[in-house]
């Protein structure tokens, strides 16, 4: 596994040749773990502030609606930062994956241009979420002011729907990532070495 990670990190800009399934998937596992850990670390400050305020509100006798309004207001304050941090982490992880996926496509005998499908779907989802962050914040503020969380939840639901577009790219990576390697050399090079 460590050999696969070292190999892929050393070949971040190498779009030539082929990668075996094992090499590719160990590297993908590494990237998923790193992205998950970075996402948790980035979210800790936001959620600790929200839960601390909710705990203090409960101790002071706030009603459930008042606490929801307070939590929506605080989430609105942190959401913009959270979206940008998540976007930065996602872009870095995508960039780290592109060359490895191209080599994996080559190993199965497919052109590397297929990598544009997951990249395009991810970038669409990212652009949609970033461009609509002000609408979400406005809905959260309105929900906090009226103590009606349904408006903010419906706006967040629309963002989740756009985020599902990125799953098309993830499915493409999975489908082509599990395809069997072509035996022997192909037009992209010799059979890959497993790391």
N, C-alpha and C. Protein backbone atom coordinates (compact mmCIF):
# COMPACT_ATOMS: atom_id res chain seq x y z
N UNK A 1 0.83 -1.19 0.00
CA UNK A 1 0.00 0.00 0.00
C UNK A 1 0.87 1.26 0.00
N UNK A 2 1.87 1.30 0.87
CA UNK A 2 2.73 2.47 0.92
C UNK A 2 3.46 2.68 -0.40
N UNK A 3 3.82 1.59 -1.06
CA UNK A 3 4.46 1.69 -2.37
C UNK A 3 3.55 2.35 -3.39
N UNK A 4 2.26 2.01 -3.35
CA UNK A 4 1.29 2.61 -4.27
C UNK A 4 1.16 4.11 -4.02
N UNK A 5 1.12 4.49 -2.75
CA UNK A 5 0.99 5.90 -2.39
C UNK A 5 2.23 6.68 -2.84
N UNK A 6 3.40 6.13 -2.53
CA UNK A 6 4.65 6.80 -2.91
C UNK A 6 4.75 6.93 -4.43
N UNK A 7 4.41 5.86 -5.14
CA UNK A 7 4.48 5.88 -6.60
C UNK A 7 3.58 6.97 -7.18
N UNK A 8 2.34 7.02 -6.71
CA UNK A 8 1.39 8.01 -7.25
C UNK A 8 1.77 9.43 -6.86
N UNK A 9 2.25 9.65 -5.66
CA UNK A 9 2.67 10.99 -5.27
C UNK A 9 3.89 11.44 -6.06
N UNK A 10 4.74 10.48 -6.45
CA UNK A 10 5.92 10.81 -7.26
C UNK A 10 5.55 11.05 -8.72
N UNK A 11 4.35 10.63 -9.14
CA UNK A 11 3.92 10.74 -10.54
C UNK A 11 2.66 11.58 -10.69
N UNK A 12 2.55 12.66 -9.93
CA UNK A 12 1.35 13.49 -9.96
C UNK A 12 1.09 14.15 -11.32
N UNK A 13 2.14 14.38 -12.08
CA UNK A 13 1.98 15.04 -13.39
C UNK A 13 2.30 14.09 -14.54
N UNK A 14 2.38 12.81 -14.26
CA UNK A 14 2.70 11.82 -15.29
C UNK A 14 1.40 11.19 -15.81
N UNK A 15 1.03 11.58 -17.03
CA UNK A 15 -0.21 11.08 -17.62
C UNK A 15 0.06 9.94 -18.61
N UNK A 16 1.29 9.47 -18.65
CA UNK A 16 1.67 8.40 -19.58
C UNK A 16 1.79 7.08 -18.82
N UNK A 17 1.62 6.01 -19.55
CA UNK A 17 1.77 4.69 -18.95
C UNK A 17 0.48 4.15 -18.38
N UNK A 18 0.65 3.15 -17.53
CA UNK A 18 -0.50 2.42 -17.01
C UNK A 18 -0.33 2.18 -15.51
N UNK A 19 -1.46 2.14 -14.80
CA UNK A 19 -1.47 1.78 -13.38
C UNK A 19 -2.38 0.58 -13.17
N UNK A 20 -1.90 -0.39 -12.42
CA UNK A 20 -2.71 -1.56 -12.08
C UNK A 20 -3.85 -1.16 -11.15
N UNK A 21 -4.89 -1.97 -11.12
CA UNK A 21 -6.03 -1.67 -10.25
C UNK A 21 -5.60 -1.52 -8.80
N UNK A 22 -4.78 -2.44 -8.34
CA UNK A 22 -4.35 -2.41 -6.94
C UNK A 22 -3.63 -1.10 -6.61
N UNK A 23 -2.73 -0.68 -7.48
CA UNK A 23 -1.99 0.57 -7.28
C UNK A 23 -2.96 1.75 -7.22
N UNK A 24 -3.90 1.79 -8.14
CA UNK A 24 -4.86 2.88 -8.21
C UNK A 24 -5.74 2.92 -6.96
N UNK A 25 -6.31 1.78 -6.58
CA UNK A 25 -7.27 1.78 -5.47
C UNK A 25 -6.62 2.02 -4.12
N UNK A 26 -5.39 1.58 -3.91
CA UNK A 26 -4.70 1.93 -2.67
C UNK A 26 -4.50 3.43 -2.58
N UNK A 27 -4.17 4.04 -3.69
CA UNK A 27 -3.99 5.48 -3.72
C UNK A 27 -5.32 6.20 -3.50
N UNK A 28 -6.39 5.74 -4.10
CA UNK A 28 -7.71 6.33 -3.89
C UNK A 28 -8.10 6.22 -2.42
N UNK A 29 -7.85 5.07 -1.81
CA UNK A 29 -8.15 4.89 -0.38
C UNK A 29 -7.38 5.92 0.45
N UNK A 30 -6.12 6.11 0.13
CA UNK A 30 -5.30 7.11 0.82
C UNK A 30 -5.92 8.50 0.69
N UNK A 31 -6.33 8.88 -0.53
CA UNK A 31 -6.92 10.20 -0.75
C UNK A 31 -8.24 10.37 -0.01
N UNK A 32 -9.06 9.32 0.02
CA UNK A 32 -10.35 9.39 0.72
C UNK A 32 -10.13 9.58 2.22
N UNK A 33 -9.17 8.86 2.78
CA UNK A 33 -8.88 9.00 4.21
C UNK A 33 -8.38 10.40 4.52
N UNK A 34 -7.48 10.92 3.68
CA UNK A 34 -6.96 12.28 3.88
C UNK A 34 -8.09 13.31 3.76
N UNK A 35 -8.95 13.16 2.75
CA UNK A 35 -10.05 14.11 2.57
C UNK A 35 -11.03 14.05 3.75
N UNK A 36 -11.33 12.85 4.21
CA UNK A 36 -12.24 12.69 5.34
C UNK A 36 -11.66 13.36 6.59
N UNK A 37 -10.38 13.09 6.86
CA UNK A 37 -9.73 13.68 8.03
C UNK A 37 -9.67 15.19 7.95
N UNK A 38 -9.32 15.72 6.79
CA UNK A 38 -9.25 17.17 6.61
C UNK A 38 -10.63 17.80 6.77
N UNK A 39 -11.66 17.13 6.26
CA UNK A 39 -13.03 17.64 6.40
C UNK A 39 -13.48 17.70 7.85
N UNK A 40 -13.14 16.67 8.61
CA UNK A 40 -13.51 16.65 10.03
C UNK A 40 -12.77 17.76 10.78
N UNK A 41 -11.48 17.89 10.51
CA UNK A 41 -10.69 18.93 11.19
C UNK A 41 -11.24 20.31 10.85
N UNK A 42 -11.64 20.52 9.61
CA UNK A 42 -12.17 21.82 9.20
C UNK A 42 -13.54 22.10 9.83
N UNK A 43 -14.32 21.05 10.09
CA UNK A 43 -15.68 21.24 10.62
C UNK A 43 -15.73 21.37 12.14
N UNK A 44 -14.69 20.93 12.83
CA UNK A 44 -14.72 20.93 14.30
C UNK A 44 -15.00 22.31 14.88
N UNK A 45 -14.31 23.38 14.43
CA UNK A 45 -14.60 24.69 15.04
C UNK A 45 -16.05 25.14 14.87
N UNK A 46 -16.62 24.90 13.69
CA UNK A 46 -18.00 25.33 13.44
C UNK A 46 -18.97 24.58 14.35
N UNK A 47 -18.85 23.26 14.39
CA UNK A 47 -19.80 22.49 15.18
C UNK A 47 -19.60 22.67 16.68
N UNK A 48 -18.38 22.86 17.12
CA UNK A 48 -18.18 23.06 18.55
C UNK A 48 -18.82 24.38 19.00
N UNK A 49 -18.74 25.41 18.16
CA UNK A 49 -19.37 26.68 18.49
C UNK A 49 -20.90 26.54 18.53
N UNK A 50 -21.45 25.85 17.55
CA UNK A 50 -22.90 25.68 17.49
C UNK A 50 -23.41 24.88 18.68
N UNK A 51 -22.75 23.77 18.99
CA UNK A 51 -23.20 22.93 20.10
C UNK A 51 -23.00 23.62 21.45
N UNK A 52 -21.94 24.38 21.56
CA UNK A 52 -21.72 25.12 22.81
C UNK A 52 -22.84 26.15 23.03
N UNK A 53 -23.20 26.86 21.97
CA UNK A 53 -24.29 27.85 22.08
C UNK A 53 -25.62 27.17 22.37
N UNK A 54 -25.86 26.02 21.73
CA UNK A 54 -27.12 25.29 21.97
C UNK A 54 -27.18 24.81 23.42
N UNK A 55 -26.06 24.33 23.93
CA UNK A 55 -26.02 23.87 25.32
C UNK A 55 -26.28 25.03 26.28
N UNK A 56 -25.63 26.17 26.00
CA UNK A 56 -25.85 27.35 26.85
C UNK A 56 -27.30 27.84 26.74
N UNK A 57 -27.87 27.79 25.53
CA UNK A 57 -29.26 28.20 25.34
C UNK A 57 -30.21 27.29 26.09
N UNK A 58 -29.95 25.99 26.07
CA UNK A 58 -30.80 25.04 26.79
C UNK A 58 -30.73 25.29 28.30
N UNK A 59 -29.53 25.60 28.79
CA UNK A 59 -29.39 25.88 30.22
C UNK A 59 -30.09 27.16 30.63
N UNK A 60 -30.17 28.13 29.70
CA UNK A 60 -30.81 29.40 30.03
C UNK A 60 -32.33 29.36 29.83
N UNK A 61 -32.86 28.22 29.35
CA UNK A 61 -34.30 28.07 29.23
C UNK A 61 -34.89 28.49 27.89
N UNK A 62 -34.10 28.54 26.84
CA UNK A 62 -34.63 28.90 25.51
C UNK A 62 -35.61 27.84 25.03
N UNK A 63 -36.58 28.28 24.25
CA UNK A 63 -37.49 27.32 23.64
C UNK A 63 -36.78 26.62 22.47
N UNK A 64 -37.40 25.56 22.00
CA UNK A 64 -36.80 24.82 20.88
C UNK A 64 -36.70 25.70 19.63
N UNK A 65 -37.72 26.47 19.35
CA UNK A 65 -37.69 27.35 18.19
C UNK A 65 -36.61 28.42 18.32
N UNK A 66 -36.44 28.98 19.51
CA UNK A 66 -35.40 29.97 19.72
C UNK A 66 -34.00 29.37 19.52
N UNK A 67 -33.84 28.16 20.02
CA UNK A 67 -32.54 27.49 19.84
C UNK A 67 -32.27 27.19 18.38
N UNK A 68 -33.30 26.74 17.63
CA UNK A 68 -33.12 26.49 16.20
C UNK A 68 -32.76 27.78 15.47
N UNK A 69 -33.42 28.87 15.82
CA UNK A 69 -33.12 30.15 15.18
C UNK A 69 -31.68 30.57 15.47
N UNK A 70 -31.26 30.40 16.70
CA UNK A 70 -29.89 30.75 17.08
C UNK A 70 -28.88 29.87 16.33
N UNK A 71 -29.17 28.58 16.23
CA UNK A 71 -28.26 27.66 15.55
C UNK A 71 -28.18 27.99 14.05
N UNK A 72 -29.30 28.31 13.42
CA UNK A 72 -29.28 28.68 12.01
C UNK A 72 -28.47 29.95 11.79
N UNK A 73 -28.61 30.91 12.70
CA UNK A 73 -27.84 32.15 12.57
C UNK A 73 -26.34 31.86 12.67
N UNK A 74 -25.95 31.02 13.60
CA UNK A 74 -24.53 30.68 13.75
C UNK A 74 -24.02 29.85 12.58
N UNK A 75 -24.86 28.94 12.09
CA UNK A 75 -24.43 28.15 10.94
C UNK A 75 -24.23 29.05 9.74
N UNK A 76 -25.06 30.04 9.59
CA UNK A 76 -24.90 30.98 8.49
C UNK A 76 -23.57 31.71 8.56
N UNK A 77 -23.15 32.05 9.78
CA UNK A 77 -21.86 32.72 9.95
C UNK A 77 -20.70 31.83 9.51
N UNK A 78 -20.80 30.55 9.79
CA UNK A 78 -19.69 29.62 9.52
C UNK A 78 -19.79 28.93 8.16
N UNK A 79 -20.97 28.96 7.56
CA UNK A 79 -21.18 28.17 6.34
C UNK A 79 -20.30 28.64 5.18
N UNK A 80 -20.17 29.93 5.00
CA UNK A 80 -19.35 30.44 3.89
C UNK A 80 -17.92 29.91 4.01
N UNK A 81 -17.35 30.00 5.19
CA UNK A 81 -15.99 29.51 5.41
C UNK A 81 -15.93 28.01 5.17
N UNK A 82 -16.92 27.29 5.66
CA UNK A 82 -16.94 25.84 5.50
C UNK A 82 -17.01 25.44 4.03
N UNK A 83 -17.82 26.15 3.24
CA UNK A 83 -17.94 25.85 1.81
C UNK A 83 -16.61 26.06 1.12
N UNK A 84 -15.94 27.17 1.43
CA UNK A 84 -14.66 27.46 0.76
C UNK A 84 -13.57 26.49 1.18
N UNK A 85 -13.55 26.11 2.45
CA UNK A 85 -12.55 25.13 2.92
C UNK A 85 -12.82 23.77 2.26
N UNK A 86 -14.08 23.36 2.22
CA UNK A 86 -14.43 22.09 1.58
C UNK A 86 -14.09 22.12 0.10
N UNK A 87 -14.34 23.25 -0.55
CA UNK A 87 -14.02 23.38 -1.97
C UNK A 87 -12.52 23.25 -2.19
N UNK A 88 -11.74 23.91 -1.35
CA UNK A 88 -10.28 23.84 -1.50
C UNK A 88 -9.78 22.41 -1.30
N UNK A 89 -10.30 21.72 -0.30
CA UNK A 89 -9.90 20.33 -0.05
C UNK A 89 -10.29 19.46 -1.24
N UNK A 90 -11.51 19.65 -1.75
CA UNK A 90 -11.98 18.85 -2.89
C UNK A 90 -11.17 19.08 -4.15
N UNK A 91 -10.81 20.34 -4.40
CA UNK A 91 -10.02 20.65 -5.60
C UNK A 91 -8.64 20.01 -5.49
N UNK A 92 -8.03 20.11 -4.31
CA UNK A 92 -6.71 19.50 -4.13
C UNK A 92 -6.79 17.98 -4.33
N UNK A 93 -7.79 17.35 -3.76
CA UNK A 93 -7.93 15.90 -3.90
C UNK A 93 -8.19 15.51 -5.36
N UNK A 94 -8.97 16.30 -6.06
CA UNK A 94 -9.24 16.03 -7.48
C UNK A 94 -7.95 16.14 -8.29
N UNK A 95 -7.18 17.18 -8.02
CA UNK A 95 -5.91 17.35 -8.74
C UNK A 95 -4.95 16.20 -8.45
N UNK A 96 -4.96 15.71 -7.22
CA UNK A 96 -4.09 14.60 -6.86
C UNK A 96 -4.51 13.29 -7.52
N UNK A 97 -5.77 13.20 -7.92
CA UNK A 97 -6.30 11.96 -8.49
C UNK A 97 -6.21 11.90 -10.02
N UNK A 98 -6.17 13.02 -10.69
CA UNK A 98 -6.32 13.05 -12.15
C UNK A 98 -5.31 12.17 -12.87
N UNK A 99 -4.04 12.34 -12.61
CA UNK A 99 -3.02 11.57 -13.35
C UNK A 99 -3.14 10.07 -13.07
N UNK A 100 -3.43 9.71 -11.83
CA UNK A 100 -3.57 8.29 -11.50
C UNK A 100 -4.76 7.69 -12.23
N UNK A 101 -5.86 8.44 -12.34
CA UNK A 101 -7.03 7.93 -13.05
C UNK A 101 -6.77 7.80 -14.54
N UNK A 102 -6.03 8.75 -15.10
CA UNK A 102 -5.68 8.65 -16.52
C UNK A 102 -4.85 7.39 -16.77
N UNK A 103 -3.88 7.14 -15.91
CA UNK A 103 -3.06 5.92 -16.08
C UNK A 103 -3.89 4.66 -15.89
N UNK A 104 -4.86 4.71 -14.99
CA UNK A 104 -5.74 3.56 -14.78
C UNK A 104 -6.61 3.33 -16.02
N UNK A 105 -7.11 4.40 -16.61
CA UNK A 105 -7.87 4.29 -17.85
C UNK A 105 -7.01 3.66 -18.94
N UNK A 106 -5.77 4.11 -19.05
CA UNK A 106 -4.85 3.56 -20.04
C UNK A 106 -4.64 2.06 -19.82
N UNK A 107 -4.56 1.64 -18.56
CA UNK A 107 -4.34 0.23 -18.27
C UNK A 107 -5.49 -0.63 -18.76
N UNK A 108 -6.70 -0.10 -18.70
CA UNK A 108 -7.87 -0.84 -19.18
C UNK A 108 -8.09 -0.64 -20.68
N UNK A 109 -7.24 0.17 -21.32
CA UNK A 109 -7.33 0.37 -22.76
C UNK A 109 -8.20 1.53 -23.20
N UNK A 110 -8.54 2.42 -22.28
CA UNK A 110 -9.41 3.55 -22.60
C UNK A 110 -8.61 4.85 -22.67
N UNK A 111 -9.10 5.83 -23.43
CA UNK A 111 -8.39 7.10 -23.52
C UNK A 111 -8.50 7.89 -22.21
N UNK A 112 -7.46 8.65 -21.93
CA UNK A 112 -7.42 9.44 -20.70
C UNK A 112 -8.42 10.58 -20.66
N UNK A 113 -8.99 10.93 -21.80
CA UNK A 113 -9.96 12.04 -21.83
C UNK A 113 -11.23 11.73 -21.03
N UNK A 114 -11.46 10.49 -20.71
CA UNK A 114 -12.62 10.14 -19.89
C UNK A 114 -12.52 10.82 -18.52
N UNK A 115 -11.32 11.19 -18.12
CA UNK A 115 -11.13 11.88 -16.84
C UNK A 115 -11.90 13.20 -16.80
N UNK A 116 -12.23 13.74 -17.96
CA UNK A 116 -12.97 15.00 -17.99
C UNK A 116 -14.39 14.87 -17.42
N UNK A 117 -14.97 13.68 -17.47
CA UNK A 117 -16.33 13.49 -16.94
C UNK A 117 -16.35 13.73 -15.43
N UNK A 118 -15.53 13.03 -14.63
CA UNK A 118 -15.58 13.32 -13.19
C UNK A 118 -15.12 14.73 -12.84
N UNK A 119 -14.14 15.25 -13.56
CA UNK A 119 -13.66 16.60 -13.27
C UNK A 119 -14.77 17.62 -13.57
N UNK A 120 -15.44 17.48 -14.71
CA UNK A 120 -16.50 18.43 -15.09
C UNK A 120 -17.69 18.35 -14.14
N UNK A 121 -18.10 17.15 -13.76
CA UNK A 121 -19.25 17.05 -12.85
C UNK A 121 -18.91 17.61 -11.47
N UNK A 122 -17.69 17.38 -11.02
CA UNK A 122 -17.29 17.93 -9.72
C UNK A 122 -17.23 19.45 -9.78
N UNK A 123 -16.64 20.00 -10.83
CA UNK A 123 -16.54 21.45 -10.95
C UNK A 123 -17.91 22.11 -11.09
N UNK A 124 -18.84 21.45 -11.80
CA UNK A 124 -20.21 21.98 -11.89
C UNK A 124 -20.85 22.06 -10.50
N UNK A 125 -20.75 20.97 -9.76
CA UNK A 125 -21.33 20.92 -8.43
C UNK A 125 -20.71 21.97 -7.51
N UNK A 126 -19.41 22.10 -7.60
CA UNK A 126 -18.69 23.08 -6.79
C UNK A 126 -19.11 24.50 -7.15
N UNK A 127 -19.16 24.81 -8.43
CA UNK A 127 -19.55 26.15 -8.88
C UNK A 127 -20.98 26.47 -8.47
N UNK A 128 -21.86 25.50 -8.57
CA UNK A 128 -23.26 25.72 -8.19
C UNK A 128 -23.36 26.04 -6.70
N UNK A 129 -22.67 25.26 -5.89
CA UNK A 129 -22.75 25.48 -4.45
C UNK A 129 -22.14 26.82 -4.05
N UNK A 130 -21.01 27.18 -4.65
CA UNK A 130 -20.38 28.45 -4.32
C UNK A 130 -21.24 29.62 -4.79
N UNK A 131 -21.82 29.51 -5.99
CA UNK A 131 -22.62 30.62 -6.50
C UNK A 131 -23.93 30.80 -5.74
N UNK A 132 -24.39 29.77 -5.05
CA UNK A 132 -25.65 29.87 -4.31
C UNK A 132 -25.48 30.02 -2.81
N UNK A 133 -24.27 30.20 -2.35
CA UNK A 133 -24.06 30.31 -0.91
C UNK A 133 -24.78 31.52 -0.32
N UNK A 134 -24.84 32.63 -1.07
CA UNK A 134 -25.54 33.81 -0.56
C UNK A 134 -27.04 33.53 -0.42
N UNK A 135 -27.62 32.77 -1.35
CA UNK A 135 -29.04 32.40 -1.24
C UNK A 135 -29.29 31.54 -0.01
N UNK A 136 -28.39 30.62 0.26
CA UNK A 136 -28.53 29.75 1.43
C UNK A 136 -28.42 30.58 2.71
N UNK A 137 -27.45 31.48 2.74
CA UNK A 137 -27.29 32.32 3.92
C UNK A 137 -28.51 33.21 4.14
N UNK A 138 -29.07 33.75 3.05
CA UNK A 138 -30.28 34.57 3.17
C UNK A 138 -31.45 33.75 3.70
N UNK A 139 -31.57 32.53 3.21
CA UNK A 139 -32.65 31.65 3.69
C UNK A 139 -32.45 31.30 5.15
N UNK A 140 -31.20 31.09 5.56
CA UNK A 140 -30.93 30.78 6.97
C UNK A 140 -31.24 31.98 7.86
N UNK A 141 -30.89 33.17 7.40
CA UNK A 141 -31.20 34.37 8.17
C UNK A 141 -32.71 34.58 8.28
N UNK A 142 -33.42 34.34 7.18
CA UNK A 142 -34.88 34.47 7.21
C UNK A 142 -35.49 33.43 8.14
N UNK A 143 -34.94 32.22 8.11
CA UNK A 143 -35.45 31.17 8.99
C UNK A 143 -35.17 31.52 10.44
N UNK A 144 -34.00 32.10 10.71
CA UNK A 144 -33.67 32.49 12.08
C UNK A 144 -34.57 33.63 12.55
N UNK A 145 -34.86 34.57 11.67
CA UNK A 145 -35.69 35.72 12.04
C UNK A 145 -37.14 35.31 12.28
N UNK A 146 -37.64 34.37 11.48
CA UNK A 146 -39.04 33.97 11.62
C UNK A 146 -39.21 32.72 12.47
N UNK A 147 -38.10 32.18 12.91
CA UNK A 147 -38.10 30.92 13.66
C UNK A 147 -38.80 29.82 12.86
N UNK A 148 -38.56 29.81 11.54
CA UNK A 148 -39.12 28.80 10.65
C UNK A 148 -37.97 28.15 9.88
N UNK A 149 -37.50 27.00 10.33
CA UNK A 149 -36.33 26.37 9.70
C UNK A 149 -36.63 25.74 8.34
N UNK A 150 -37.88 25.60 7.95
CA UNK A 150 -38.21 24.91 6.71
C UNK A 150 -37.65 25.61 5.47
N UNK A 151 -37.60 26.94 5.48
CA UNK A 151 -37.10 27.68 4.34
C UNK A 151 -35.61 27.38 4.11
N UNK A 152 -34.83 27.39 5.18
CA UNK A 152 -33.40 27.09 5.05
C UNK A 152 -33.18 25.65 4.64
N UNK A 153 -33.97 24.76 5.19
CA UNK A 153 -33.81 23.34 4.84
C UNK A 153 -34.14 23.09 3.38
N UNK A 154 -35.13 23.79 2.84
CA UNK A 154 -35.46 23.58 1.43
C UNK A 154 -34.35 24.10 0.53
N UNK A 155 -33.70 25.21 0.89
CA UNK A 155 -32.59 25.73 0.11
C UNK A 155 -31.40 24.79 0.18
N UNK A 156 -31.14 24.25 1.35
CA UNK A 156 -30.05 23.29 1.48
C UNK A 156 -30.35 22.04 0.66
N UNK A 157 -31.60 21.67 0.58
CA UNK A 157 -31.98 20.52 -0.24
C UNK A 157 -31.66 20.74 -1.71
N UNK A 158 -31.84 21.97 -2.19
CA UNK A 158 -31.49 22.27 -3.58
C UNK A 158 -29.99 22.14 -3.81
N UNK A 159 -29.19 22.56 -2.82
CA UNK A 159 -27.73 22.43 -2.96
C UNK A 159 -27.32 20.97 -2.95
N UNK A 160 -27.98 20.17 -2.14
CA UNK A 160 -27.67 18.74 -2.11
C UNK A 160 -27.99 18.12 -3.46
N UNK A 161 -29.10 18.53 -4.07
CA UNK A 161 -29.46 18.02 -5.39
C UNK A 161 -28.39 18.31 -6.42
N UNK A 162 -27.84 19.52 -6.40
CA UNK A 162 -26.76 19.86 -7.33
C UNK A 162 -25.51 19.06 -7.00
N UNK A 163 -25.30 18.78 -5.72
CA UNK A 163 -24.14 17.98 -5.32
C UNK A 163 -24.22 16.56 -5.83
N UNK A 164 -25.43 16.09 -6.06
CA UNK A 164 -25.58 14.73 -6.59
C UNK A 164 -25.01 14.59 -7.99
N UNK A 165 -24.89 15.70 -8.71
CA UNK A 165 -24.29 15.66 -10.05
C UNK A 165 -22.86 15.15 -9.96
N UNK A 166 -22.16 15.51 -8.89
CA UNK A 166 -20.77 15.05 -8.74
C UNK A 166 -20.69 13.54 -8.58
N UNK A 167 -21.78 12.92 -8.17
CA UNK A 167 -21.79 11.45 -8.04
C UNK A 167 -21.67 10.78 -9.40
N UNK A 168 -22.08 11.44 -10.45
CA UNK A 168 -21.89 10.88 -11.80
C UNK A 168 -20.41 10.64 -12.03
N UNK A 169 -19.60 11.63 -11.68
CA UNK A 169 -18.16 11.50 -11.83
C UNK A 169 -17.59 10.41 -10.95
N UNK A 170 -18.09 10.30 -9.73
CA UNK A 170 -17.60 9.26 -8.82
C UNK A 170 -17.94 7.88 -9.37
N UNK A 171 -19.12 7.73 -9.93
CA UNK A 171 -19.52 6.45 -10.52
C UNK A 171 -18.62 6.12 -11.71
N UNK A 172 -18.27 7.12 -12.52
CA UNK A 172 -17.36 6.90 -13.64
C UNK A 172 -16.01 6.41 -13.14
N UNK A 173 -15.50 7.04 -12.09
CA UNK A 173 -14.21 6.61 -11.53
C UNK A 173 -14.29 5.17 -11.04
N UNK A 174 -15.37 4.84 -10.36
CA UNK A 174 -15.52 3.47 -9.84
C UNK A 174 -15.61 2.47 -10.98
N UNK A 175 -16.47 2.74 -11.95
CA UNK A 175 -16.68 1.79 -13.05
C UNK A 175 -15.38 1.55 -13.82
N UNK A 176 -14.71 2.63 -14.22
CA UNK A 176 -13.49 2.46 -15.00
C UNK A 176 -12.33 2.01 -14.12
N UNK A 177 -12.39 2.35 -12.84
CA UNK A 177 -11.32 1.94 -11.93
C UNK A 177 -11.30 0.47 -11.64
N UNK A 178 -12.44 -0.21 -11.74
CA UNK A 178 -12.48 -1.64 -11.46
C UNK A 178 -12.36 -2.50 -12.72
N UNK A 179 -12.31 -1.87 -13.87
CA UNK A 179 -12.21 -2.65 -15.11
C UNK A 179 -10.90 -3.43 -15.15
N UNK A 180 -10.98 -4.58 -15.78
CA UNK A 180 -9.83 -5.47 -15.86
C UNK A 180 -8.73 -4.85 -16.72
N UNK A 181 -7.51 -5.07 -16.29
CA UNK A 181 -6.35 -4.61 -17.05
C UNK A 181 -6.24 -5.39 -18.35
N UNK A 182 -5.73 -4.74 -19.37
CA UNK A 182 -5.44 -5.46 -20.60
C UNK A 182 -4.15 -6.25 -20.40
N UNK A 183 -4.18 -7.49 -20.81
CA UNK A 183 -3.00 -8.35 -20.63
C UNK A 183 -1.89 -7.90 -21.57
N UNK A 184 -0.67 -7.91 -21.07
CA UNK A 184 0.48 -7.55 -21.89
C UNK A 184 0.48 -6.08 -22.27
N UNK A 185 1.35 -5.71 -23.19
CA UNK A 185 1.41 -4.30 -23.59
C UNK A 185 0.17 -3.88 -24.38
N UNK A 186 -0.19 -2.61 -24.26
CA UNK A 186 -1.23 -2.04 -25.11
C UNK A 186 -0.69 -0.74 -25.69
N UNK A 187 -1.50 0.05 -26.35
CA UNK A 187 -1.00 1.24 -27.01
C UNK A 187 -0.51 2.32 -26.03
N UNK A 188 -0.78 2.14 -24.73
CA UNK A 188 -0.35 3.11 -23.73
C UNK A 188 0.92 2.69 -23.00
N UNK A 189 1.40 1.49 -23.29
CA UNK A 189 2.65 1.04 -22.67
C UNK A 189 2.61 -0.40 -22.23
N UNK A 190 3.68 -0.80 -21.56
CA UNK A 190 3.79 -2.15 -21.04
C UNK A 190 2.86 -2.36 -19.85
N UNK A 191 2.64 -3.61 -19.54
CA UNK A 191 1.80 -3.93 -18.37
C UNK A 191 2.39 -3.27 -17.13
N UNK A 192 1.55 -2.72 -16.26
CA UNK A 192 2.05 -1.98 -15.12
C UNK A 192 2.65 -2.88 -14.03
N UNK A 193 3.53 -2.30 -13.26
CA UNK A 193 4.10 -2.97 -12.10
C UNK A 193 3.16 -2.70 -10.92
N UNK A 194 2.92 -3.70 -10.11
CA UNK A 194 2.08 -3.50 -8.92
C UNK A 194 2.96 -3.01 -7.78
N UNK A 195 2.44 -2.04 -7.07
CA UNK A 195 3.17 -1.49 -5.92
C UNK A 195 2.47 -1.83 -4.64
